[in-house]
Amino acid sequence: MTTIELKAQLRKEIENEQNYSIIEKVQAYYRRLKTAPCRFTDDELIEEVRRSVEDANSGGGKTLTEMRKKHPRI
């Protein structure tokens, strides 16, 4: 999927959404993503992704339920 197609799909989904709370949360999350500084260089990010994949493949991590308990607003 291209960036243009993804934007069009997201725009359509947002336009069809009737729940104000969901739209508000999407907007807040988007703004947070846009203002958050990048903590990694490209090489650091690649290494972090590799470690994360290895951790997930070896059974590491938390379940969705555990994460929702830890971060209830997500």
N, C-alpha and C. Protein backbone atom coordinates (compact mmCIF):
# COMPACT_ATOMS: atom_id res chain seq x y z
N MET A 1 0.85 -1.17 0.00
CA MET A 1 0.00 0.00 0.00
C MET A 1 0.90 1.24 0.00
N THR A 2 0.59 2.20 -0.84
CA THR A 2 1.38 3.41 -0.91
C THR A 2 0.96 4.38 0.19
N THR A 3 1.77 5.39 0.41
CA THR A 3 1.45 6.41 1.41
C THR A 3 0.14 7.10 1.06
N ILE A 4 -0.04 7.40 -0.20
CA ILE A 4 -1.27 8.08 -0.62
C ILE A 4 -2.49 7.20 -0.35
N GLU A 5 -2.38 5.91 -0.66
CA GLU A 5 -3.49 4.99 -0.41
C GLU A 5 -3.77 4.86 1.08
N LEU A 6 -2.72 4.80 1.88
CA LEU A 6 -2.89 4.69 3.32
C LEU A 6 -3.55 5.94 3.89
N LYS A 7 -3.12 7.11 3.43
CA LYS A 7 -3.74 8.36 3.88
C LYS A 7 -5.22 8.40 3.49
N ALA A 8 -5.52 7.99 2.28
CA ALA A 8 -6.92 8.00 1.81
C ALA A 8 -7.77 7.06 2.66
N GLN A 9 -7.23 5.89 2.97
CA GLN A 9 -7.97 4.93 3.79
C GLN A 9 -8.19 5.48 5.20
N LEU A 10 -7.15 6.06 5.78
CA LEU A 10 -7.28 6.63 7.12
C LEU A 10 -8.28 7.78 7.13
N ARG A 11 -8.19 8.64 6.14
CA ARG A 11 -9.11 9.76 6.04
C ARG A 11 -10.56 9.27 5.96
N LYS A 12 -10.78 8.25 5.15
CA LYS A 12 -12.13 7.70 5.00
C LYS A 12 -12.64 7.11 6.31
N GLU A 13 -11.78 6.37 6.99
CA GLU A 13 -12.17 5.77 8.27
C GLU A 13 -12.51 6.84 9.30
N ILE A 14 -11.71 7.90 9.34
CA ILE A 14 -11.97 8.98 10.29
C ILE A 14 -13.27 9.71 9.94
N GLU A 15 -13.48 9.96 8.66
CA GLU A 15 -14.71 10.64 8.24
C GLU A 15 -15.95 9.83 8.57
N ASN A 16 -15.85 8.51 8.55
CA ASN A 16 -17.00 7.65 8.84
C ASN A 16 -17.18 7.39 10.33
N GLU A 17 -16.19 7.73 11.14
CA GLU A 17 -16.27 7.47 12.58
C GLU A 17 -17.25 8.46 13.23
N GLN A 18 -18.16 7.93 14.01
CA GLN A 18 -19.16 8.76 14.67
C GLN A 18 -18.85 9.02 16.15
N ASN A 19 -17.97 8.23 16.72
CA ASN A 19 -17.65 8.35 18.14
C ASN A 19 -16.62 9.47 18.34
N TYR A 20 -17.05 10.57 18.94
CA TYR A 20 -16.19 11.74 19.15
C TYR A 20 -14.96 11.37 19.97
N SER A 21 -15.14 10.53 20.95
CA SER A 21 -14.04 10.14 21.83
C SER A 21 -12.93 9.44 21.06
N ILE A 22 -13.28 8.59 20.14
CA ILE A 22 -12.28 7.88 19.33
C ILE A 22 -11.52 8.87 18.45
N ILE A 23 -12.23 9.79 17.82
CA ILE A 23 -11.58 10.78 16.96
C ILE A 23 -10.63 11.64 17.79
N GLU A 24 -11.07 12.02 18.97
CA GLU A 24 -10.25 12.83 19.86
C GLU A 24 -8.97 12.08 20.27
N LYS A 25 -9.09 10.80 20.57
CA LYS A 25 -7.94 9.99 20.95
C LYS A 25 -6.97 9.81 19.79
N VAL A 26 -7.51 9.59 18.59
CA VAL A 26 -6.66 9.44 17.41
C VAL A 26 -5.88 10.74 17.17
N GLN A 27 -6.55 11.85 17.30
CA GLN A 27 -5.89 13.14 17.10
C GLN A 27 -4.79 13.36 18.14
N ALA A 28 -5.08 13.07 19.39
CA ALA A 28 -4.09 13.25 20.46
C ALA A 28 -2.89 12.33 20.23
N TYR A 29 -3.15 11.10 19.84
CA TYR A 29 -2.06 10.15 19.59
C TYR A 29 -1.21 10.61 18.41
N TYR A 30 -1.86 11.06 17.35
CA TYR A 30 -1.13 11.55 16.17
C TYR A 30 -0.24 12.73 16.55
N ARG A 31 -0.76 13.66 17.30
CA ARG A 31 0.03 14.82 17.72
C ARG A 31 1.20 14.41 18.60
N ARG A 32 0.98 13.44 19.46
CA ARG A 32 2.06 12.94 20.31
C ARG A 32 3.16 12.31 19.46
N LEU A 33 2.78 11.54 18.46
CA LEU A 33 3.76 10.92 17.56
C LEU A 33 4.56 11.98 16.81
N LYS A 34 3.89 13.02 16.36
CA LYS A 34 4.56 14.06 15.58
C LYS A 34 5.52 14.90 16.41
N THR A 35 5.27 15.03 17.69
CA THR A 35 6.10 15.90 18.53
C THR A 35 7.15 15.12 19.31
N ALA A 36 7.04 13.82 19.35
CA ALA A 36 8.01 13.01 20.11
C ALA A 36 9.34 12.96 19.36
N PRO A 37 10.42 13.33 20.04
CA PRO A 37 11.71 13.27 19.35
C PRO A 37 12.16 11.82 19.15
N CYS A 38 12.88 11.58 18.08
CA CYS A 38 13.41 10.25 17.82
C CYS A 38 14.57 10.00 18.76
N ARG A 39 14.55 8.87 19.44
CA ARG A 39 15.60 8.56 20.41
C ARG A 39 16.72 7.74 19.80
N PHE A 40 16.57 7.26 18.59
CA PHE A 40 17.54 6.34 18.02
C PHE A 40 18.10 6.85 16.69
N THR A 41 19.35 6.51 16.43
CA THR A 41 19.88 6.68 15.08
C THR A 41 19.33 5.53 14.26
N ASP A 42 19.55 5.56 12.95
CA ASP A 42 19.06 4.46 12.10
C ASP A 42 19.65 3.12 12.54
N ASP A 43 20.95 3.09 12.80
CA ASP A 43 21.59 1.83 13.22
C ASP A 43 21.07 1.36 14.57
N GLU A 44 20.87 2.29 15.50
CA GLU A 44 20.35 1.93 16.82
C GLU A 44 18.93 1.38 16.69
N LEU A 45 18.14 1.99 15.83
CA LEU A 45 16.77 1.54 15.64
C LEU A 45 16.73 0.14 15.05
N ILE A 46 17.58 -0.13 14.06
CA ILE A 46 17.65 -1.46 13.45
C ILE A 46 18.04 -2.49 14.51
N GLU A 47 19.02 -2.16 15.33
CA GLU A 47 19.45 -3.09 16.39
C GLU A 47 18.34 -3.30 17.42
N GLU A 48 17.62 -2.25 17.77
CA GLU A 48 16.52 -2.37 18.72
C GLU A 48 15.41 -3.27 18.17
N VAL A 49 15.12 -3.13 16.89
CA VAL A 49 14.11 -3.98 16.26
C VAL A 49 14.57 -5.43 16.25
N ARG A 50 15.84 -5.67 15.91
CA ARG A 50 16.36 -7.04 15.93
C ARG A 50 16.24 -7.66 17.32
N ARG A 51 16.64 -6.90 18.35
CA ARG A 51 16.54 -7.42 19.72
C ARG A 51 15.09 -7.69 20.09
N SER A 52 14.20 -6.81 19.69
CA SER A 52 12.77 -6.99 20.00
C SER A 52 12.20 -8.24 19.34
N VAL A 53 12.56 -8.46 18.09
CA VAL A 53 12.09 -9.65 17.37
C VAL A 53 12.64 -10.91 18.02
N GLU A 54 13.92 -10.90 18.37
CA GLU A 54 14.52 -12.05 19.05
C GLU A 54 13.83 -12.31 20.37
N ASP A 55 13.54 -11.24 21.12
CA ASP A 55 12.86 -11.37 22.41
C ASP A 55 11.46 -11.96 22.22
N ALA A 56 10.74 -11.47 21.23
CA ALA A 56 9.39 -11.98 20.97
C ALA A 56 9.43 -13.44 20.54
N ASN A 57 10.40 -13.79 19.70
CA ASN A 57 10.51 -15.17 19.23
C ASN A 57 10.89 -16.13 20.36
N SER A 58 11.56 -15.62 21.38
CA SER A 58 11.96 -16.48 22.49
C SER A 58 10.94 -16.47 23.63
N GLY A 59 9.78 -15.86 23.37
CA GLY A 59 8.71 -15.89 24.37
C GLY A 59 8.71 -14.72 25.31
N GLY A 60 9.56 -13.75 25.07
CA GLY A 60 9.60 -12.57 25.93
C GLY A 60 8.43 -11.64 25.66
N GLY A 61 8.31 -10.64 26.47
CA GLY A 61 7.26 -9.64 26.27
C GLY A 61 6.09 -9.84 27.19
N LYS A 62 5.06 -9.06 26.95
CA LYS A 62 3.86 -9.09 27.78
C LYS A 62 2.64 -9.34 26.90
N THR A 63 1.62 -9.88 27.50
CA THR A 63 0.37 -10.08 26.77
C THR A 63 -0.34 -8.75 26.62
N LEU A 64 -1.31 -8.70 25.72
CA LEU A 64 -2.09 -7.49 25.54
C LEU A 64 -2.81 -7.11 26.84
N THR A 65 -3.31 -8.10 27.56
CA THR A 65 -3.99 -7.84 28.83
C THR A 65 -3.04 -7.20 29.82
N GLU A 66 -1.81 -7.71 29.90
CA GLU A 66 -0.82 -7.13 30.81
C GLU A 66 -0.50 -5.68 30.43
N MET A 67 -0.38 -5.43 29.13
CA MET A 67 -0.07 -4.07 28.68
C MET A 67 -1.23 -3.12 28.95
N ARG A 68 -2.45 -3.59 28.79
CA ARG A 68 -3.61 -2.72 29.05
C ARG A 68 -3.72 -2.39 30.53
N LYS A 69 -3.33 -3.32 31.39
CA LYS A 69 -3.33 -3.04 32.82
C LYS A 69 -2.27 -2.00 33.15
N LYS A 70 -1.13 -2.11 32.50
CA LYS A 70 -0.03 -1.18 32.75
C LYS A 70 -0.31 0.20 32.14
N HIS A 71 -0.95 0.22 30.97
CA HIS A 71 -1.24 1.47 30.25
C HIS A 71 -2.72 1.53 29.92
N PRO A 72 -3.59 1.83 30.89
CA PRO A 72 -5.04 1.75 30.68
C PRO A 72 -5.59 2.75 29.66
N ARG A 73 -4.88 3.82 29.35
CA ARG A 73 -5.44 4.80 28.42
C ARG A 73 -5.25 4.41 26.97
N ILE A 74 -4.48 3.39 26.68
CA ILE A 74 -4.24 2.96 25.28
C ILE A 74 -5.36 2.07 24.84
